Amino acid sequence: MYDFSGNTFNCSLCFLNLPDKYSDDDIYHVFVFLTSKRNTMICDCEQCDLKKLFFGAVSNEELQTICSQKEERNYPKGEVIIKEGSEIHDFIYMKSGLVKLFRQSGDEEQIIAIAKPYDFVSLLSVFSEKYYHYSVTALEDTTVCVLSMSLISGMLQKNCAFACNVITQMSKVSDAIIMNMLNIRERHLRGRVAYILVYFSETIYRQTVFDLPLSRKEIAAFIGMTTENVIRTLSEFRKDGIINIYGKRIEITNPERLRKVSMLG
């Protein structure tokens, strides 16, 4: 029996359950080592893909600061994460889920982009404006990590490599939105619908069977067509043997042909 920090430590009941060849002294020293580390912050940011994508330029000390101040927030499907016109206080990135970025025009939505995990949903306005010019809503149950803008701004001023990474990510976000919109606009109706199906299949879900995260009306808003045209085109794809439709579930039965329609549409 050992007395450690006022508590009796019974090595024979040690949670480590080490083999018999280890003595009580061996186990006790392991216990002392583990207990000495009890105040060390263990941060899942160290294992997060975000560190590779974005925070690779920060020091361990800065990473620990991020870990101590970040906040994880969970949003169920359909809940608003960012409201157009709200003041910008936070730096937000997605850890899991799927969201849409959009602007409201009267009763109509203008969908800007679909964002997946480790996309930075606040980068479009966060350094240039005081208020958001778009909204973000969860298309699936979504978890985001939130950091204060004051923390990020301070790191930008002190860490040039980090600042360059931020600029790079901002450029990638802008380029992706621009290229996606151009890819849609240069296609005719069938090509636009096919492009969206290929996008969800190969970029978002990476499988040929998936539930459409957007309604027919939202797809129409995204690709600049009417809801009726979207419904009719999906029906034509089904009749042509390219897809099967089970409500919101889509099964792509002929991926090669769908890609061809997307490219030539």
Protein backbone atom coordinates (compact mmCIF):
# COMPACT_ATOMS: atom_id res chain seq x y z
CA MET A 1 0.00 0.00 0.00
CA TYR A 2 1.21 3.54 -0.81
CA ASP A 3 0.02 6.88 0.36
CA PHE A 4 -0.09 9.44 -2.49
CA SER A 5 -1.34 13.02 -2.05
CA GLY A 6 -3.30 12.02 1.00
CA ASN A 7 -5.00 9.09 -0.70
CA THR A 8 -4.22 5.43 -0.16
CA PHE A 9 -3.17 3.73 -3.38
CA ASN A 10 -3.62 -0.04 -3.47
CA CYS A 11 -1.38 -1.39 -6.26
CA SER A 12 -3.13 -4.75 -6.19
CA LEU A 13 -6.28 -2.98 -7.38
CA CYS A 14 -4.49 -0.80 -9.91
CA PHE A 15 -6.66 0.02 -12.92
CA LEU A 16 -3.68 -0.66 -15.19
CA ASN A 17 -4.02 -4.40 -14.55
CA LEU A 18 -0.40 -5.02 -15.53
CA PRO A 19 1.02 -8.56 -15.77
CA ASP A 20 2.32 -10.27 -12.61
CA LYS A 21 5.96 -9.73 -13.60
CA TYR A 22 5.57 -6.03 -12.67
CA SER A 23 6.05 -5.29 -8.98
CA ASP A 24 4.01 -2.91 -6.88
CA ASP A 25 6.94 -0.46 -7.13
CA ASP A 26 6.79 -0.55 -10.93
CA ILE A 27 3.07 0.11 -10.92
CA TYR A 28 3.44 2.89 -8.35
CA HIS A 29 5.99 4.73 -10.48
CA VAL A 30 3.69 4.49 -13.50
CA PHE A 31 0.89 5.91 -11.37
CA VAL A 32 3.09 8.82 -10.26
CA PHE A 33 4.03 9.57 -13.87
CA LEU A 34 0.42 9.54 -15.07
CA THR A 35 -0.73 11.65 -12.13
CA SER A 36 2.00 14.21 -12.81
CA LYS A 37 0.49 14.65 -16.27
CA ARG A 38 -3.05 15.09 -15.06
CA ASN A 39 -3.01 18.86 -15.62
CA THR A 40 -1.67 18.61 -19.18
CA MET A 41 -4.35 19.67 -21.64
CA ILE A 42 -5.31 16.92 -24.05
CA CYS A 43 -6.81 18.56 -27.09
CA ASP A 44 -8.49 16.73 -29.95
CA CYS A 45 -7.39 19.62 -32.20
CA GLU A 46 -4.04 17.84 -32.35
CA GLN A 47 -5.69 14.96 -34.17
CA CYS A 48 -8.15 17.07 -36.14
CA ASP A 49 -7.83 17.34 -39.92
CA LEU A 50 -8.17 21.07 -39.39
CA LYS A 51 -4.63 21.25 -38.05
CA LYS A 52 -3.31 19.91 -41.37
CA LEU A 53 -5.59 22.11 -43.45
CA PHE A 54 -5.30 25.35 -41.58
CA PHE A 55 -3.43 25.41 -38.29
CA GLY A 56 -0.26 23.68 -39.47
CA ALA A 57 1.60 26.96 -39.06
CA VAL A 58 0.75 27.48 -35.38
CA SER A 59 3.01 26.54 -32.50
CA ASN A 60 2.06 24.01 -29.83
CA GLU A 61 1.50 26.89 -27.43
CA GLU A 62 -0.87 28.60 -29.89
CA LEU A 63 -2.63 25.30 -30.49
CA GLN A 64 -3.21 24.89 -26.77
CA THR A 65 -4.64 28.41 -26.67
CA ILE A 66 -7.01 27.48 -29.48
CA CYS A 67 -8.00 24.31 -27.64
CA SER A 68 -8.69 26.15 -24.40
CA GLN A 69 -10.88 28.80 -26.05
CA LYS A 70 -12.72 26.95 -28.82
CA GLU A 71 -16.37 26.07 -28.39
CA GLU A 72 -18.19 23.22 -30.12
CA ARG A 73 -21.81 23.84 -31.06
CA ASN A 74 -24.29 21.28 -32.36
CA TYR A 75 -27.08 22.23 -34.76
CA PRO A 76 -29.86 19.85 -35.78
CA LYS A 77 -30.96 19.67 -39.40
CA GLY A 78 -32.78 22.83 -40.45
CA GLU A 79 -31.39 25.08 -37.71
CA VAL A 80 -29.81 28.44 -38.58
CA ILE A 81 -26.09 28.65 -37.78
CA ILE A 82 -25.44 32.15 -39.17
CA LYS A 83 -28.20 34.69 -39.81
CA GLU A 84 -27.84 37.20 -42.63
CA GLY A 85 -27.44 40.68 -41.15
CA SER A 86 -26.12 39.48 -37.79
CA GLU A 87 -22.92 40.98 -36.41
CA ILE A 88 -19.72 39.01 -36.89
CA HIS A 89 -18.15 37.99 -33.58
CA ASP A 90 -16.84 34.48 -34.26
CA PHE A 91 -14.64 32.51 -36.59
CA ILE A 92 -16.55 29.34 -37.52
CA TYR A 93 -15.52 26.11 -39.22
CA MET A 94 -17.40 22.85 -39.69
CA LYS A 95 -16.32 19.70 -37.90
CA SER A 96 -19.10 17.48 -39.23
CA GLY A 97 -22.35 17.72 -41.16
CA LEU A 98 -23.48 19.67 -44.21
CA VAL A 99 -24.74 23.25 -44.62
CA LYS A 100 -25.98 25.65 -47.26
CA LEU A 101 -24.87 29.27 -47.62
CA PHE A 102 -27.57 31.49 -49.05
CA ARG A 103 -29.01 34.98 -49.30
CA GLN A 104 -32.68 35.81 -48.88
CA SER A 105 -34.34 37.75 -51.70
CA GLY A 106 -37.93 38.35 -50.71
CA ASP A 107 -39.51 34.91 -50.39
CA GLU A 108 -36.80 33.30 -52.51
CA GLU A 109 -33.44 31.89 -51.49
CA GLN A 110 -30.31 32.42 -53.54
CA ILE A 111 -28.06 29.49 -52.63
CA ILE A 112 -24.39 30.48 -52.78
CA ALA A 113 -22.71 27.21 -51.89
CA ILE A 114 -22.93 23.87 -50.13
CA ALA A 115 -20.26 23.41 -47.45
CA LYS A 116 -18.90 20.13 -46.07
CA PRO A 117 -16.71 19.32 -43.03
CA TYR A 118 -13.59 21.45 -42.54
CA ASP A 119 -14.93 24.17 -44.80
CA PHE A 120 -14.71 27.63 -43.23
CA VAL A 121 -18.27 28.85 -43.45
CA SER A 122 -17.51 32.32 -42.08
CA LEU A 123 -14.57 33.19 -44.33
CA LEU A 124 -16.58 35.07 -46.98
CA SER A 125 -17.29 38.08 -44.76
CA VAL A 126 -15.37 37.59 -41.57
CA PHE A 127 -12.43 39.93 -42.30
CA SER A 128 -14.07 42.39 -44.66
CA GLU A 129 -17.42 43.22 -43.10
CA LYS A 130 -19.01 43.90 -39.74
CA TYR A 131 -22.19 41.99 -40.57
CA TYR A 132 -22.86 38.77 -42.44
CA HIS A 133 -24.24 39.18 -45.97
CA TYR A 134 -25.51 35.59 -46.09
CA SER A 135 -27.10 32.94 -43.90
CA VAL A 136 -25.91 29.42 -43.10
CA THR A 137 -28.37 26.63 -42.31
CA ALA A 138 -27.71 23.00 -41.41
CA LEU A 139 -28.79 20.55 -44.12
CA GLU A 140 -27.84 17.67 -41.82
CA ASP A 141 -27.06 17.49 -38.11
CA THR A 142 -23.94 19.64 -37.93
CA THR A 143 -21.16 20.36 -35.45
CA VAL A 144 -19.11 23.54 -35.75
CA CYS A 145 -16.09 24.78 -33.82
CA VAL A 146 -16.16 28.43 -32.87
CA LEU A 147 -13.25 30.73 -32.03
CA SER A 148 -13.44 34.39 -31.09
CA MET A 149 -12.42 36.87 -33.78
CA SER A 150 -10.19 38.65 -31.28
CA LEU A 151 -8.14 35.46 -30.83
CA ILE A 152 -7.81 34.89 -34.59
CA SER A 153 -6.97 38.54 -35.26
CA GLY A 154 -4.25 38.46 -32.62
CA MET A 155 -2.73 35.34 -34.14
CA LEU A 156 -2.82 36.89 -37.61
CA GLN A 157 -0.82 39.87 -36.38
CA LYS A 158 1.81 37.74 -34.65
CA ASN A 159 2.15 34.73 -36.97
CA CYS A 160 2.89 35.47 -40.64
CA ALA A 161 2.72 31.81 -41.68
CA PHE A 162 -0.71 31.51 -40.08
CA ALA A 163 -1.85 34.70 -41.86
CA CYS A 164 -0.70 33.27 -45.19
CA ASN A 165 -2.66 30.09 -44.51
CA VAL A 166 -5.77 32.15 -43.82
CA ILE A 167 -5.34 34.08 -47.07
CA THR A 168 -4.84 30.82 -48.96
CA GLN A 169 -8.00 29.30 -47.50
CA MET A 170 -10.01 32.45 -48.24
CA SER A 171 -8.83 32.31 -51.86
CA LYS A 172 -9.75 28.63 -52.13
CA VAL A 173 -13.23 29.28 -50.76
CA SER A 174 -13.81 32.14 -53.18
CA ASP A 175 -12.39 30.20 -56.14
CA ALA A 176 -14.54 27.14 -55.37
CA ILE A 177 -17.73 29.21 -55.23
CA ILE A 178 -16.89 31.09 -58.45
CA MET A 179 -15.94 27.93 -60.37
CA ASN A 180 -18.99 26.06 -59.12
CA MET A 181 -21.31 28.86 -60.24
CA LEU A 182 -19.58 29.09 -63.64
CA ASN A 183 -19.78 25.32 -64.10
CA ILE A 184 -23.51 25.47 -63.45
CA ARG A 185 -24.21 28.53 -65.58
CA GLU A 186 -22.43 27.19 -68.67
CA ARG A 187 -24.71 24.14 -68.79
CA HIS A 188 -28.24 23.66 -70.10
CA LEU A 189 -31.01 22.29 -67.90
CA ARG A 190 -30.18 18.57 -68.12
CA GLY A 191 -26.49 19.31 -67.65
CA ARG A 192 -27.15 21.44 -64.57
CA VAL A 193 -29.26 18.78 -62.86
CA ALA A 194 -26.72 16.10 -63.78
CA TYR A 195 -23.89 18.30 -62.48
CA ILE A 196 -25.58 18.65 -59.08
CA LEU A 197 -26.21 14.90 -58.81
CA VAL A 198 -22.58 14.15 -59.70
CA TYR A 199 -21.46 16.80 -57.21
CA PHE A 200 -23.41 15.24 -54.34
CA SER A 201 -22.41 11.71 -55.33
CA GLU A 202 -18.68 12.23 -55.90
CA THR A 203 -17.76 15.27 -53.81
CA ILE A 204 -20.12 15.22 -50.82
CA TYR A 205 -21.16 11.61 -50.17
CA ARG A 206 -18.70 9.65 -52.33
CA GLN A 207 -21.23 6.96 -53.09
CA THR A 208 -23.91 6.30 -55.69
CA VAL A 209 -26.82 6.01 -53.24
CA PHE A 210 -27.59 9.03 -51.06
CA ASP A 211 -30.40 11.20 -49.74
CA LEU A 212 -30.67 14.54 -51.48
CA PRO A 213 -29.98 17.19 -48.81
CA LEU A 214 -31.87 19.81 -50.85
CA SER A 215 -35.51 19.91 -51.81
CA ARG A 216 -36.45 20.15 -55.49
CA LYS A 217 -37.16 23.84 -54.90
CA GLU A 218 -33.72 24.38 -53.34
CA ILE A 219 -32.01 22.57 -56.21
CA ALA A 220 -33.86 24.84 -58.62
CA ALA A 221 -32.66 27.91 -56.69
CA PHE A 222 -29.10 26.59 -56.70
CA ILE A 223 -28.92 25.93 -60.44
CA GLY A 224 -31.10 28.85 -61.59
CA MET A 225 -34.03 26.84 -62.94
CA THR A 226 -37.68 26.38 -62.01
CA THR A 227 -38.81 23.67 -59.62
CA GLU A 228 -40.98 22.16 -62.37
CA ASN A 229 -37.97 21.85 -64.69
CA VAL A 230 -35.95 20.09 -61.99
CA ILE A 231 -38.75 17.61 -61.27
CA ARG A 232 -39.23 16.90 -64.95
CA THR A 233 -35.52 16.39 -65.59
CA LEU A 234 -35.14 14.00 -62.65
CA SER A 235 -38.10 12.05 -64.01
CA GLU A 236 -36.43 11.91 -67.45
CA PHE A 237 -33.20 10.61 -65.90
CA ARG A 238 -35.21 7.89 -64.17
CA LYS A 239 -36.95 6.88 -67.41
CA ASP A 240 -33.58 6.82 -69.19
CA GLY A 241 -32.22 4.37 -66.63
CA ILE A 242 -29.64 6.81 -65.27
CA ILE A 243 -31.04 7.05 -61.74
CA ASN A 244 -33.66 5.56 -59.47
CA ILE A 245 -35.69 7.84 -57.20
CA TYR A 246 -37.15 6.82 -53.84
CA GLY A 247 -38.50 10.07 -52.41
CA LYS A 248 -35.39 12.03 -51.37
CA ARG A 249 -33.14 9.02 -51.93
CA ILE A 250 -31.25 8.90 -55.21
CA GLU A 251 -29.56 5.82 -56.65
CA ILE A 252 -27.26 6.51 -59.58
CA THR A 253 -27.51 3.37 -61.71
CA ASN A 254 -25.42 4.63 -64.63
CA PRO A 255 -22.70 6.96 -63.24
CA GLU A 256 -20.76 7.12 -66.52
CA ARG A 257 -23.78 8.28 -68.48
CA LEU A 258 -24.68 10.83 -65.80
CA ARG A 259 -21.15 12.25 -65.93
CA LYS A 260 -21.42 12.47 -69.72
CA VAL A 261 -24.69 14.40 -69.48
CA SER A 262 -23.07 16.67 -66.89
CA MET A 263 -20.05 17.36 -69.10
CA LEU A 264 -21.91 17.81 -72.38
CA GLY A 265 -25.00 19.50 -70.94
